[in-house]
Amino acid sequence: MPRSLTEIAGIALAALTAEERRRCAAYVDPHLLERGASVSIRNTTVPVTVPSFMVFVDLRPGANWGHPCRYLLVSREDGSIARVDSEFPPPAESLRLIHRGEGVEDWMLLSTQPLEQKSS
């Protein structure tokens, strides 16, 4: 059964440690990545094997790039996660904020746009 973006966000945040959640900023790109697409992460191309949403986790908000960050491709169907560690963020235009750790201020964020759910 397809998961909502809110469920996708919850699955991604649950995949982080308590310490990572406490200090990170996390975002979702609300555009579904179809099977066969790919995501470019710095010098790496990651194939999308199942319809997924990309979640980006900034593990050190406010630090200059490059620093540790994580990309999570969360399956829309079963919630499985493909994880890619990196040191650089994606373009911020389509990112929606899903989590802000303790002490993370607006200036530290790539985007302050919240995730908005469409009404059913």
PDB file of N, CA and C in Angstrom:
ATOM      1  N   MET A   1       0.841  -1.173   0.000  1.00  0.00           N
ATOM      2  CA  MET A   1       0.000   0.000   0.000  1.00  0.00           C
ATOM      3  C   MET A   1       0.891   1.242   0.000  1.00  0.00           C
ATOM      4  N   PRO A   2       0.666   2.176  -0.899  1.00  0.00           N
ATOM      5  CA  PRO A   2       1.506   3.377  -0.959  1.00  0.00           C
ATOM      6  C   PRO A   2       1.444   4.180   0.340  1.00  0.00           C
ATOM      7  N   ARG A   3       2.597   4.663   0.749  1.00  0.00           N
ATOM      8  CA  ARG A   3       2.698   5.449   1.971  1.00  0.00           C
ATOM      9  C   ARG A   3       2.597   6.937   1.669  1.00  0.00           C
ATOM     10  N   SER A   4       2.041   7.681   2.619  1.00  0.00           N
ATOM     11  CA  SER A   4       1.954   9.133   2.485  1.00  0.00           C
ATOM     12  C   SER A   4       3.327   9.741   2.776  1.00  0.00           C
ATOM     13  N   LEU A   5       3.486  11.001   2.422  1.00  0.00           N
ATOM     14  CA  LEU A   5       4.748  11.682   2.713  1.00  0.00           C
ATOM     15  C   LEU A   5       4.990  11.778   4.221  1.00  0.00           C
ATOM     16  N   THR A   6       3.933  11.904   4.992  1.00  0.00           N
ATOM     17  CA  THR A   6       4.082  11.940   6.451  1.00  0.00           C
ATOM     18  C   THR A   6       4.620  10.602   6.956  1.00  0.00           C
ATOM     19  N   GLU A   7       4.107   9.500   6.410  1.00  0.00           N
ATOM     20  CA  GLU A   7       4.612   8.177   6.782  1.00  0.00           C
ATOM     21  C   GLU A   7       6.057   7.997   6.337  1.00  0.00           C
ATOM     22  N   ILE A   8       6.377   8.458   5.135  1.00  0.00           N
ATOM     23  CA  ILE A   8       7.754   8.379   4.621  1.00  0.00           C
ATOM     24  C   ILE A   8       8.687   9.129   5.569  1.00  0.00           C
ATOM     25  N   ALA A   9       8.280  10.325   5.996  1.00  0.00           N
ATOM     26  CA  ALA A   9       9.091  11.119   6.921  1.00  0.00           C
ATOM     27  C   ALA A   9       9.311  10.353   8.228  1.00  0.00           C
ATOM     28  N   GLY A  10       8.270   9.750   8.755  1.00  0.00           N
ATOM     29  CA  GLY A  10       8.390   8.986   9.998  1.00  0.00           C
ATOM     30  C   GLY A  10       9.325   7.800   9.870  1.00  0.00           C
ATOM     31  N   ILE A  11       9.246   7.100   8.742  1.00  0.00           N
ATOM     32  CA  ILE A  11      10.121   5.951   8.498  1.00  0.00           C
ATOM     33  C   ILE A  11      11.579   6.416   8.451  1.00  0.00           C
ATOM     34  N   ALA A  12      11.830   7.513   7.740  1.00  0.00           N
ATOM     35  CA  ALA A  12      13.203   8.022   7.623  1.00  0.00           C
ATOM     36  C   ALA A  12      13.749   8.454   8.980  1.00  0.00           C
ATOM     37  N   LEU A  13      12.948   9.173   9.751  1.00  0.00           N
ATOM     38  CA  LEU A  13      13.422   9.641  11.059  1.00  0.00           C
ATOM     39  C   LEU A  13      13.656   8.479  12.011  1.00  0.00           C
ATOM     40  N   ALA A  14      12.852   7.436  11.907  1.00  0.00           N
ATOM     41  CA  ALA A  14      13.032   6.260  12.758  1.00  0.00           C
ATOM     42  C   ALA A  14      14.320   5.511  12.421  1.00  0.00           C
ATOM     43  N   ALA A  15      14.853   5.709  11.220  1.00  0.00           N
ATOM     44  CA  ALA A  15      16.094   5.048  10.804  1.00  0.00           C
ATOM     45  C   ALA A  15      17.336   5.751  11.362  1.00  0.00           C
ATOM     46  N   LEU A  16      17.147   6.916  11.988  1.00  0.00           N
ATOM     47  CA  LEU A  16      18.264   7.651  12.578  1.00  0.00           C
ATOM     48  C   LEU A  16      18.413   7.277  14.047  1.00  0.00           C
ATOM     49  N   THR A  17      19.614   7.449  14.566  1.00  0.00           N
ATOM     50  CA  THR A  17      19.802   7.228  15.998  1.00  0.00           C
ATOM     51  C   THR A  17      19.185   8.395  16.759  1.00  0.00           C
ATOM     52  N   ALA A  18      18.964   8.214  18.047  1.00  0.00           N
ATOM     53  CA  ALA A  18      18.413   9.296  18.875  1.00  0.00           C
ATOM     54  C   ALA A  18      19.326  10.517  18.834  1.00  0.00           C
ATOM     55  N   GLU A  19      20.626  10.306  18.871  1.00  0.00           N
ATOM     56  CA  GLU A  19      21.584  11.420  18.823  1.00  0.00           C
ATOM     57  C   GLU A  19      21.516  12.135  17.476  1.00  0.00           C
ATOM     58  N   GLU A  20      21.408  11.391  16.376  1.00  0.00           N
ATOM     59  CA  GLU A  20      21.278  12.027  15.056  1.00  0.00           C
ATOM     60  C   GLU A  20      20.007  12.867  14.989  1.00  0.00           C
ATOM     61  N   ARG A  21      18.887  12.324  15.470  1.00  0.00           N
ATOM     62  CA  ARG A  21      17.633  13.087  15.470  1.00  0.00           C
ATOM     63  C   ARG A  21      17.749  14.340  16.333  1.00  0.00           C
ATOM     64  N   ARG A  22      18.449  14.238  17.452  1.00  0.00           N
ATOM     65  CA  ARG A  22      18.573  15.367  18.370  1.00  0.00           C
ATOM     66  C   ARG A  22      19.285  16.551  17.721  1.00  0.00           C
ATOM     67  N   ARG A  23      20.240  16.304  16.818  1.00  0.00           N
ATOM     68  CA  ARG A  23      21.044  17.404  16.295  1.00  0.00           C
ATOM     69  C   ARG A  23      20.868  17.689  14.800  1.00  0.00           C
ATOM     70  N   CYS A  24      20.108  16.898  14.083  1.00  0.00           N
ATOM     71  CA  CYS A  24      20.043  17.052  12.623  1.00  0.00           C
ATOM     72  C   CYS A  24      18.903  17.949  12.158  1.00  0.00           C
ATOM     73  N   ALA A  25      18.938  18.228  10.880  1.00  0.00           N
ATOM     74  CA  ALA A  25      17.793  18.792  10.161  1.00  0.00           C
ATOM     75  C   ALA A  25      17.508  17.801   9.037  1.00  0.00           C
ATOM     76  N   ALA A  26      16.235  17.491   8.821  1.00  0.00           N
ATOM     77  CA  ALA A  26      15.875  16.512   7.798  1.00  0.00           C
ATOM     78  C   ALA A  26      14.800  17.091   6.883  1.00  0.00           C
ATOM     79  N   TYR A  27      14.883  16.696   5.627  1.00  0.00           N
ATOM     80  CA  TYR A  27      14.012  17.231   4.583  1.00  0.00           C
ATOM     81  C   TYR A  27      13.559  16.081   3.687  1.00  0.00           C
ATOM     82  N   VAL A  28      12.405  16.255   3.060  1.00  0.00           N
ATOM     83  CA  VAL A  28      11.952  15.325   2.039  1.00  0.00           C
ATOM     84  C   VAL A  28      11.717  16.107   0.749  1.00  0.00           C
ATOM     85  N   ASP A  29      12.031  15.472  -0.359  1.00  0.00           N
ATOM     86  CA  ASP A  29      11.658  16.014  -1.663  1.00  0.00           C
ATOM     87  C   ASP A  29      10.325  15.352  -2.007  1.00  0.00           C
ATOM     88  N   PRO A  30       9.247  16.131  -2.124  1.00  0.00           N
ATOM     89  CA  PRO A  30       7.920  15.530  -2.309  1.00  0.00           C
ATOM     90  C   PRO A  30       7.664  14.949  -3.702  1.00  0.00           C
ATOM     91  N   HIS A  31       8.639  15.003  -4.585  1.00  0.00           N
ATOM     92  CA  HIS A  31       8.480  14.451  -5.929  1.00  0.00           C
ATOM     93  C   HIS A  31       8.870  12.975  -5.924  1.00  0.00           C
ATOM     94  N   LEU A  32       7.942  12.135  -6.332  1.00  0.00           N
ATOM     95  CA  LEU A  32       8.196  10.701  -6.377  1.00  0.00           C
ATOM     96  C   LEU A  32       9.251  10.393  -7.427  1.00  0.00           C
ATOM     97  N   LEU A  33      10.234   9.595  -7.031  1.00  0.00           N
ATOM     98  CA  LEU A  33      11.251   9.101  -7.964  1.00  0.00           C
ATOM     99  C   LEU A  33      10.770   7.745  -8.462  1.00  0.00           C
ATOM    100  N   GLU A  34      10.539   7.645  -9.743  1.00  0.00           N
ATOM    101  CA  GLU A  34      10.032   6.397 -10.308  1.00  0.00           C
ATOM    102  C   GLU A  34      11.163   5.381 -10.488  1.00  0.00           C
ATOM    103  N   ARG A  35      10.789   4.120 -10.513  1.00  0.00           N
ATOM    104  CA  ARG A  35      11.753   3.049 -10.781  1.00  0.00           C
ATOM    105  C   ARG A  35      12.450   3.344 -12.110  1.00  0.00           C
ATOM    106  N   GLY A  36      13.771   3.194 -12.135  1.00  0.00           N
ATOM    107  CA  GLY A  36      14.538   3.455 -13.342  1.00  0.00           C
ATOM    108  C   GLY A  36      15.167   4.834 -13.360  1.00  0.00           C
ATOM    109  N   ALA A  37      14.695   5.727 -12.494  1.00  0.00           N
ATOM    110  CA  ALA A  37      15.311   7.052 -12.387  1.00  0.00           C
ATOM    111  C   ALA A  37      16.638   6.895 -11.654  1.00  0.00           C
ATOM    112  N   SER A  38      17.361   7.994 -11.512  1.00  0.00           N
ATOM    113  CA  SER A  38      18.592   7.970 -10.732  1.00  0.00           C
ATOM    114  C   SER A  38      18.731   9.289  -9.985  1.00  0.00           C
ATOM    115  N   VAL A  39      19.496   9.245  -8.914  1.00  0.00           N
ATOM    116  CA  VAL A  39      19.764  10.423  -8.102  1.00  0.00           C
ATOM    117  C   VAL A  39      21.264  10.666  -8.166  1.00  0.00           C
ATOM    118  N   SER A  40      21.646  11.894  -8.509  1.00  0.00           N
ATOM    119  CA  SER A  40      23.062  12.248  -8.535  1.00  0.00           C
ATOM    120  C   SER A  40      23.448  12.818  -7.184  1.00  0.00           C
ATOM    121  N   ILE A  41      24.411  12.176  -6.564  1.00  0.00           N
ATOM    122  CA  ILE A  41      24.917  12.604  -5.267  1.00  0.00           C
ATOM    123  C   ILE A  41      26.414  12.804  -5.421  1.00  0.00           C
ATOM    124  N   ARG A  42      26.778  14.100  -5.550  1.00  0.00           N
ATOM    125  CA  ARG A  42      28.168  14.490  -5.786  1.00  0.00           C
ATOM    126  C   ARG A  42      28.684  13.771  -7.024  1.00  0.00           C
ATOM    127  N   ASN A  43      29.625  12.860  -6.883  1.00  0.00           N
ATOM    128  CA  ASN A  43      30.184  12.153  -8.044  1.00  0.00           C
ATOM    129  C   ASN A  43      29.628  10.744  -8.198  1.00  0.00           C
ATOM    130  N   THR A  44      28.508  10.489  -7.563  1.00  0.00           N
ATOM    131  CA  THR A  44      27.911   9.157  -7.584  1.00  0.00           C
ATOM    132  C   THR A  44      26.498   9.239  -8.144  1.00  0.00           C
ATOM    133  N   THR A  45      26.136   8.260  -8.954  1.00  0.00           N
ATOM    134  CA  THR A  45      24.765   8.153  -9.440  1.00  0.00           C
ATOM    135  C   THR A  45      24.145   6.940  -8.774  1.00  0.00           C
ATOM    136  N   VAL A  46      23.023   7.169  -8.098  1.00  0.00           N
ATOM    137  CA  VAL A  46      22.343   6.095  -7.374  1.00  0.00           C
ATOM    138  C   VAL A  46      21.076   5.732  -8.140  1.00  0.00           C
ATOM    139  N   PRO A  47      20.981   4.480  -8.613  1.00  0.00           N
ATOM    140  CA  PRO A  47      19.770   4.071  -9.328  1.00  0.00           C
ATOM    141  C   PRO A  47      18.591   3.909  -8.371  1.00  0.00           C
ATOM    142  N   VAL A  48      17.419   4.263  -8.851  1.00  0.00           N
ATOM    143  CA  VAL A  48      16.186   4.087  -8.089  1.00  0.00           C
ATOM    144  C   VAL A  48      15.564   2.782  -8.572  1.00  0.00           C
ATOM    145  N   THR A  49      15.503   1.796  -7.676  1.00  0.00           N
ATOM    146  CA  THR A  49      15.036   0.465  -8.088  1.00  0.00           C
ATOM    147  C   THR A  49      13.553   0.245  -7.814  1.00  0.00           C
ATOM    148  N   VAL A  50      12.979   1.067  -6.924  1.00  0.00           N
ATOM    149  CA  VAL A  50      11.545   1.012  -6.633  1.00  0.00           C
ATOM    150  C   VAL A  50      11.065   2.447  -6.471  1.00  0.00           C
ATOM    151  N   PRO A  51       9.784   2.746  -6.742  1.00  0.00           N
ATOM    152  CA  PRO A  51       9.296   4.109  -6.542  1.00  0.00           C
ATOM    153  C   PRO A  51       9.610   4.575  -5.111  1.00  0.00           C
ATOM    154  N   SER A  52      10.305   5.707  -5.010  1.00  0.00           N
ATOM    155  CA  SER A  52      10.819   6.162  -3.714  1.00  0.00           C
ATOM    156  C   SER A  52      10.770   7.677  -3.595  1.00  0.00           C
ATOM    157  N   PHE A  53      10.856   8.126  -2.354  1.00  0.00           N
ATOM    158  CA  PHE A  53      11.028   9.540  -2.066  1.00  0.00           C
ATOM    159  C   PHE A  53      12.407   9.728  -1.458  1.00  0.00           C
ATOM    160  N   MET A  54      13.059  10.831  -1.803  1.00  0.00           N
ATOM    161  CA  MET A  54      14.370  11.123  -1.252  1.00  0.00           C
ATOM    162  C   MET A  54      14.230  11.957   0.019  1.00  0.00           C
ATOM    163  N   VAL A  55      14.857  11.488   1.074  1.00  0.00           N
ATOM    164  CA  VAL A  55      14.956  12.237   2.323  1.00  0.00           C
ATOM    165  C   VAL A  55      16.421  12.613   2.481  1.00  0.00           C
ATOM    166  N   PHE A  56      16.672  13.884   2.785  1.00  0.00           N
ATOM    167  CA  PHE A  56      18.027  14.362   3.002  1.00  0.00           C
ATOM    168  C   PHE A  56      18.194  14.718   4.467  1.00  0.00           C
ATOM    169  N   VAL A  57      19.255  14.206   5.076  1.00  0.00           N
ATOM    170  CA  VAL A  57      19.521  14.441   6.493  1.00  0.00           C
ATOM    171  C   VAL A  57      20.841  15.195   6.623  1.00  0.00           C
ATOM    172  N   ASP A  58      20.761  16.429   7.105  1.00  0.00           N
ATOM    173  CA  ASP A  58      21.950  17.242   7.378  1.00  0.00           C
ATOM    174  C   ASP A  58      22.365  16.937   8.810  1.00  0.00           C
ATOM    175  N   LEU A  59      23.481  16.251   8.966  1.00  0.00           N
ATOM    176  CA  LEU A  59      23.915  15.817  10.286  1.00  0.00           C
ATOM    177  C   LEU A  59      24.648  16.903  11.076  1.00  0.00           C
ATOM    178  N   ARG A  60      24.973  18.019  10.410  1.00  0.00           N
ATOM    179  CA  ARG A  60      25.620  19.145  11.106  1.00  0.00           C
ATOM    180  C   ARG A  60      25.078  20.473  10.578  1.00  0.00           C
ATOM    181  N   PRO A  61      23.818  20.770  10.848  1.00  0.00           N
ATOM    182  CA  PRO A  61      23.243  22.019  10.349  1.00  0.00           C
ATOM    183  C   PRO A  61      24.063  23.228  10.814  1.00  0.00           C
ATOM    184  N   GLY A  62      24.263  24.152   9.898  1.00  0.00           N
ATOM    185  CA  GLY A  62      24.993  25.372  10.213  1.00  0.00           C
ATOM    186  C   GLY A  62      26.475  25.288   9.913  1.00  0.00           C
ATOM    187  N   ALA A  63      27.009  24.094   9.695  1.00  0.00           N
ATOM    188  CA  ALA A  63      28.426  23.950   9.347  1.00  0.00           C
ATOM    189  C   ALA A  63      28.591  24.204   7.850  1.00  0.00           C
ATOM    190  N   ASN A  64      29.742  24.662   7.470  1.00  0.00           N
ATOM    191  CA  ASN A  64      30.017  24.811   6.035  1.00  0.00           C
ATOM    192  C   ASN A  64      30.102  23.426   5.399  1.00  0.00           C
ATOM    193  N   TRP A  65      29.823  23.352   4.108  1.00  0.00           N
ATOM    194  CA  TRP A  65      29.910  22.067   3.398  1.00  0.00           C
ATOM    195  C   TRP A  65      31.338  21.838   2.973  1.00  0.00           C
ATOM    196  N   GLY A  66      31.948  20.621   2.904  1.00  0.00           N
ATOM    197  CA  GLY A  66      31.361  19.362   3.137  1.00  0.00           C
ATOM    198  C   GLY A  66      31.517  18.875   4.567  1.00  0.00           C
ATOM    199  N   HIS A  67      30.459  18.319   4.992  1.00  0.00           N
ATOM    200  CA  HIS A  67      30.402  17.640   6.280  1.00  0.00           C
ATOM    201  C   HIS A  67      29.420  16.476   6.162  1.00  0.00           C
ATOM    202  N   PRO A  68      29.427  15.573   7.132  1.00  0.00           N
ATOM    203  CA  PRO A  68      28.582  14.387   7.020  1.00  0.00           C
ATOM    204  C   PRO A  68      27.099  14.710   6.860  1.00  0.00           C
ATOM    205  N   CYS A  69      26.518  14.025   5.893  1.00  0.00           N
ATOM    206  CA  CYS A  69      25.085  14.095   5.650  1.00  0.00           C
ATOM    207  C   CYS A  69      24.663  12.743   5.100  1.00  0.00           C
ATOM    208  N   ARG A  70      23.363  12.560   4.940  1.00  0.00           N
ATOM    209  CA  ARG A  70      22.865  11.259   4.495  1.00  0.00           C
ATOM    210  C   ARG A  70      21.669  11.443   3.577  1.00  0.00           C
ATOM    211  N   TYR A  71      21.638  10.640   2.548  1.00  0.00           N
ATOM    212  CA  TYR A  71      20.490  10.564   1.655  1.00  0.00           C
ATOM    213  C   TYR A  71      19.805   9.235   1.927  1.00  0.00           C
ATOM    214  N   LEU A  72      18.494   9.274   2.074  1.00  0.00           N
ATOM    215  CA  LEU A  72      17.704   8.063   2.265  1.00  0.00           C
ATOM    216  C   LEU A  72      16.672   8.006   1.152  1.00  0.00           C
ATOM    217  N   LEU A  73      16.675   6.934   0.399  1.00  0.00           N
ATOM    218  CA  LEU A  73      15.632   6.708  -0.602  1.00  0.00           C
ATOM    219  C   LEU A  73      14.647   5.743   0.034  1.00  0.00           C
ATOM    220  N   VAL A  74      13.457   6.254   0.351  1.00  0.00           N
ATOM    221  CA  VAL A  74      12.457   5.470   1.081  1.00  0.00           C
ATOM    222  C   VAL A  74      11.394   4.988   0.095  1.00  0.00           C
ATOM    223  N   SER A  75      11.228   3.683   0.030  1.00  0.00           N
ATOM    224  CA  SER A  75      10.247   3.077  -0.875  1.00  0.00           C
ATOM    225  C   SER A  75       8.838   3.504  -0.506  1.00  0.00           C
ATOM    226  N   ARG A  76       8.101   3.952  -1.507  1.00  0.00           N
ATOM    227  CA  ARG A  76       6.701   4.332  -1.292  1.00  0.00           C
ATOM    228  C   ARG A  76       5.854   3.113  -0.941  1.00  0.00           C
ATOM    229  N   GLU A  77       6.225   1.945  -1.446  1.00  0.00           N
ATOM    230  CA  GLU A  77       5.401   0.752  -1.261  1.00  0.00           C
ATOM    231  C   GLU A  77       5.634   0.051   0.072  1.00  0.00           C
ATOM    232  N   ASP A  78       6.893  -0.255   0.393  1.00  0.00           N
ATOM    233  CA  ASP A  78       7.140  -1.062   1.593  1.00  0.00           C
ATOM    234  C   ASP A  78       7.970  -0.361   2.665  1.00  0.00           C
ATOM    235  N   GLY A  79       8.385   0.880   2.417  1.00  0.00           N
ATOM    236  CA  GLY A  79       9.126   1.626   3.422  1.00  0.00           C
ATOM    237  C   GLY A  79      10.583   1.228   3.565  1.00  0.00           C
ATOM    238  N   SER A  80      11.060   0.348   2.678  1.00  0.00           N
ATOM    239  CA  SER A  80      12.477  -0.015   2.754  1.00  0.00           C
ATOM    240  C   SER A  80      13.332   1.206   2.408  1.00  0.00           C
ATOM    241  N   ILE A  81      14.568   1.200   2.888  1.00  0.00           N
ATOM    242  CA  ILE A  81      15.434   2.367   2.749  1.00  0.00           C
ATOM    243  C   ILE A  81      16.748   1.991   2.095  1.00  0.00           C
ATOM    244  N   ALA A  82      17.126   2.768   1.078  1.00  0.00           N
ATOM    245  CA  ALA A  82      18.475   2.707   0.522  1.00  0.00           C
ATOM    246  C   ALA A  82      19.204   3.923   1.073  1.00  0.00           C
ATOM    247  N   ARG A  83      20.361   3.721   1.683  1.00  0.00           N
ATOM    248  CA  ARG A  83      21.095   4.775   2.387  1.00  0.00           C
ATOM    249  C   ARG A  83      22.388   5.086   1.658  1.00  0.00           C
ATOM    250  N   VAL A  84      22.650   6.401   1.504  1.00  0.00           N
ATOM    251  CA  VAL A  84      23.905   6.850   0.900  1.00  0.00           C
ATOM    252  C   VAL A  84      24.477   7.952   1.781  1.00  0.00           C
ATOM    253  N   ASP A  85      25.674   7.727   2.321  1.00  0.00           N
ATOM    254  CA  ASP A  85      26.347   8.760   3.104  1.00  0.00           C
ATOM    255  C   ASP A  85      27.094   9.672   2.148  1.00  0.00           C
ATOM    256  N   SER A  86      27.131  10.952   2.468  1.00  0.00           N
ATOM    257  CA  SER A  86      27.763  11.930   1.601  1.00  0.00           C
ATOM    258  C   SER A  86      28.331  13.063   2.441  1.00  0.00           C
ATOM    259  N   GLU A  87      28.797  14.106   1.748  1.00  0.00           N
ATOM    260  CA  GLU A  87      29.316  15.304   2.413  1.00  0.00           C
ATOM    261  C   GLU A  87      28.741  16.587   1.823  1.00  0.00           C
ATOM    262  N   PHE A  88      27.809  16.445   0.856  1.00  0.00           N
ATOM    263  CA  PHE A  88      27.258  17.622   0.191  1.00  0.00           C
ATOM    264  C   PHE A  88      25.751  17.479  -0.001  1.00  0.00           C
ATOM    265  N   PRO A  89      25.027  18.593   0.062  1.00  0.00           N
ATOM    266  CA  PRO A  89      23.566  18.559  -0.027  1.00  0.00           C
ATOM    267  C   PRO A  89      23.068  18.541  -1.467  1.00  0.00           C
ATOM    268  N   PRO A  90      21.789  18.199  -1.642  1.00  0.00           N
ATOM    269  CA  PRO A  90      21.159  18.327  -2.959  1.00  0.00           C
ATOM    270  C   PRO A  90      20.724  19.785  -3.155  1.00  0.00           C
ATOM    271  N   PRO A  91      20.260  20.137  -4.346  1.00  0.00           N
ATOM    272  CA  PRO A  91      19.657  21.463  -4.512  1.00  0.00           C
ATOM    273  C   PRO A  91      18.481  21.605  -3.539  1.00  0.00           C
ATOM    274  N   ALA A  92      18.352  22.778  -2.951  1.00  0.00           N
ATOM    275  CA  ALA A  92      17.371  22.966  -1.881  1.00  0.00           C
ATOM    276  C   ALA A  92      15.976  23.359  -2.363  1.00  0.00           C
ATOM    277  N   GLU A  93      15.808  23.683  -3.636  1.00  0.00           N
ATOM    278  CA  GLU A  93      14.540  24.251  -4.123  1.00  0.00           C
ATOM    279  C   GLU A  93      13.316  23.430  -3.772  1.00  0.00           C
ATOM    280  N   SER A  94      13.393  22.111  -3.897  1.00  0.00           N
ATOM    281  CA  SER A  94      12.185  21.320  -3.669  1.00  0.00           C
ATOM    282  C   SER A  94      12.153  20.647  -2.298  1.00  0.00           C
ATOM    283  N   LEU A  95      13.134  20.895  -1.463  1.00  0.00           N
ATOM    284  CA  LEU A  95      13.162  20.260  -0.145  1.00  0.00           C
ATOM    285  C   LEU A  95      12.116  20.851   0.792  1.00  0.00           C
ATOM    286  N   ARG A  96      11.480  19.976   1.569  1.00  0.00           N
ATOM    287  CA  ARG A  96      10.502  20.381   2.571  1.00  0.00           C
ATOM    288  C   ARG A  96      10.995  19.894   3.924  1.00  0.00           C
ATOM    289  N   LEU A  97      11.013  20.777   4.898  1.00  0.00           N
ATOM    290  CA  LEU A  97      11.509  20.467   6.233  1.00  0.00           C
ATOM    291  C   LEU A  97      10.568  19.490   6.937  1.00  0.00           C
ATOM    292  N   ILE A  98      11.133  18.385   7.449  1.00  0.00           N
ATOM    293  CA  ILE A  98      10.330  17.412   8.187  1.00  0.00           C
ATOM    294  C   ILE A  98      10.798  17.257   9.631  1.00  0.00           C
ATOM    295  N   HIS A  99      11.997  17.757   9.930  1.00  0.00           N
ATOM    296  CA  HIS A  99      12.508  17.631  11.290  1.00  0.00           C
ATOM    297  C   HIS A  99      13.600  18.660  11.528  1.00  0.00           C
ATOM    298  N   ARG A 100      13.555  19.239  12.719  1.00  0.00           N
ATOM    299  CA  ARG A 100      14.572  20.208  13.148  1.00  0.00           C
ATOM    300  C   ARG A 100      14.993  19.791  14.549  1.00  0.00           C
ATOM    301  N   GLY A 101      16.278  19.448  14.719  1.00  0.00           N
ATOM    302  CA  GLY A 101      16.791  19.036  16.024  1.00  0.00           C
ATOM    303  C   GLY A 101      16.877  20.195  17.004  1.00  0.00           C
ATOM    304  N   GLU A 102      17.235  19.860  18.223  1.00  0.00           N
ATOM    305  CA  GLU A 102      17.380  20.848  19.290  1.00  0.00           C
ATOM    306  C   GLU A 102      18.377  21.933  18.883  1.00  0.00           C
ATOM    307  N   GLY A 103      17.995  23.176  19.055  1.00  0.00           N
ATOM    308  CA  GLY A 103      18.907  24.278  18.809  1.00  0.00           C
ATOM    309  C   GLY A 103      19.169  24.595  17.343  1.00  0.00           C
ATOM    310  N   VAL A 104      18.480  23.933  16.430  1.00  0.00           N
ATOM    311  CA  VAL A 104      18.670  24.218  15.004  1.00  0.00           C
ATOM    312  C   VAL A 104      17.820  25.440  14.660  1.00  0.00           C
ATOM    313  N   GLU A 105      18.495  26.516  14.290  1.00  0.00           N
ATOM    314  CA  GLU A 105      17.823  27.777  13.982  1.00  0.00           C
ATOM    315  C   GLU A 105      17.582  27.908  12.484  1.00  0.00           C
ATOM    316  N   ASP A 106      16.698  28.850  12.114  1.00  0.00           N
ATOM    317  CA  ASP A 106      16.350  29.041  10.702  1.00  0.00           C
ATOM    318  C   ASP A 106      17.575  29.229   9.813  1.00  0.00           C
ATOM    319  N   TRP A 107      18.563  29.993  10.260  1.00  0.00           N
ATOM    320  CA  TRP A 107      19.719  30.289   9.415  1.00  0.00           C
ATOM    321  C   TRP A 107      20.544  29.040   9.099  1.00  0.00           C
ATOM    322  N   MET A 108      20.366  27.989   9.874  1.00  0.00           N
ATOM    323  CA  MET A 108      21.111  26.746   9.676  1.00  0.00           C
ATOM    324  C   MET A 108      20.456  25.818   8.659  1.00  0.00           C
ATOM    325  N   LEU A 109      19.246  26.140   8.242  1.00  0.00           N
ATOM    326  CA  LEU A 109      18.453  25.246   7.403  1.00  0.00           C
ATOM    327  C   LEU A 109      18.635  25.516   5.918  1.00  0.00           C
ATOM    328  N   LEU A 110      18.507  24.459   5.128  1.00  0.00           N
ATOM    329  CA  LEU A 110      18.510  24.594   3.668  1.00  0.00           C
ATOM    330  C   LEU A 110      17.171  25.116   3.174  1.00  0.00           C
ATOM    331  N   SER A 111      16.107  24.800   3.905  1.00  0.00           N
ATOM    332  CA  SER A 111      14.759  25.234   3.569  1.00  0.00           C
ATOM    333  C   SER A 111      13.940  25.272   4.849  1.00  0.00           C
ATOM    334  N   THR A 112      13.099  26.269   4.967  1.00  0.00           N
ATOM    335  CA  THR A 112      12.184  26.317   6.111  1.00  0.00           C
ATOM    336  C   THR A 112      10.763  25.958   5.678  1.00  0.00           C
ATOM    337  N   GLN A 113      10.599  25.612   4.389  1.00  0.00           N
ATOM    338  CA  GLN A 113       9.268  25.238   3.903  1.00  0.00           C
ATOM    339  C   GLN A 113       8.855  23.917   4.523  1.00  0.00           C
ATOM    340  N   PRO A 114       7.725  23.892   5.218  1.00  0.00           N
ATOM    341  CA  PRO A 114       7.286  22.635   5.845  1.00  0.00           C
ATOM    342  C   PRO A 114       6.640  21.715   4.816  1.00  0.00           C
ATOM    343  N   LEU A 115       6.549  20.467   5.183  1.00  0.00           N
ATOM    344  CA  LEU A 115       5.855  19.482   4.370  1.00  0.00           C
ATOM    345  C   LEU A 115       4.369  19.753   4.500  1.00  0.00           C
ATOM    346  N   GLU A 116       3.695  19.963   3.395  1.00  0.00           N
ATOM    347  CA  GLU A 116       2.250  20.186   3.406  1.00  0.00           C
ATOM    348  C   GLU A 116       1.592  19.005   2.737  1.00  0.00           C
ATOM    349  N   GLN A 117       0.621  18.453   3.415  1.00  0.00           N
ATOM    350  CA  GLN A 117      -0.125  17.333   2.863  1.00  0.00           C
ATOM    351  C   GLN A 117      -1.314  17.865   2.059  1.00  0.00           C
ATOM    352  N   LYS A 118      -1.571  17.224   0.938  1.00  0.00           N
ATOM    353  CA  LYS A 118      -2.770  17.570   0.157  1.00  0.00           C
ATOM    354  C   LYS A 118      -3.983  16.977   0.864  1.00  0.00           C
ATOM    355  N   SER A 119      -5.080  17.733   0.872  1.00  0.00           N
ATOM    356  CA  SER A 119      -6.289  17.180   1.480  1.00  0.00           C
ATOM    357  C   SER A 119      -6.870  16.107   0.576  1.00  0.00           C
ATOM    358  N   SER A 120      -7.451  15.103   1.220  1.00  0.00           N
ATOM    359  CA  SER A 120      -8.021  13.990   0.449  1.00  0.00           C
ATOM    360  C   SER A 120      -9.455  14.256   0.098  1.00  0.00           C
TER     361      SER A 120
END
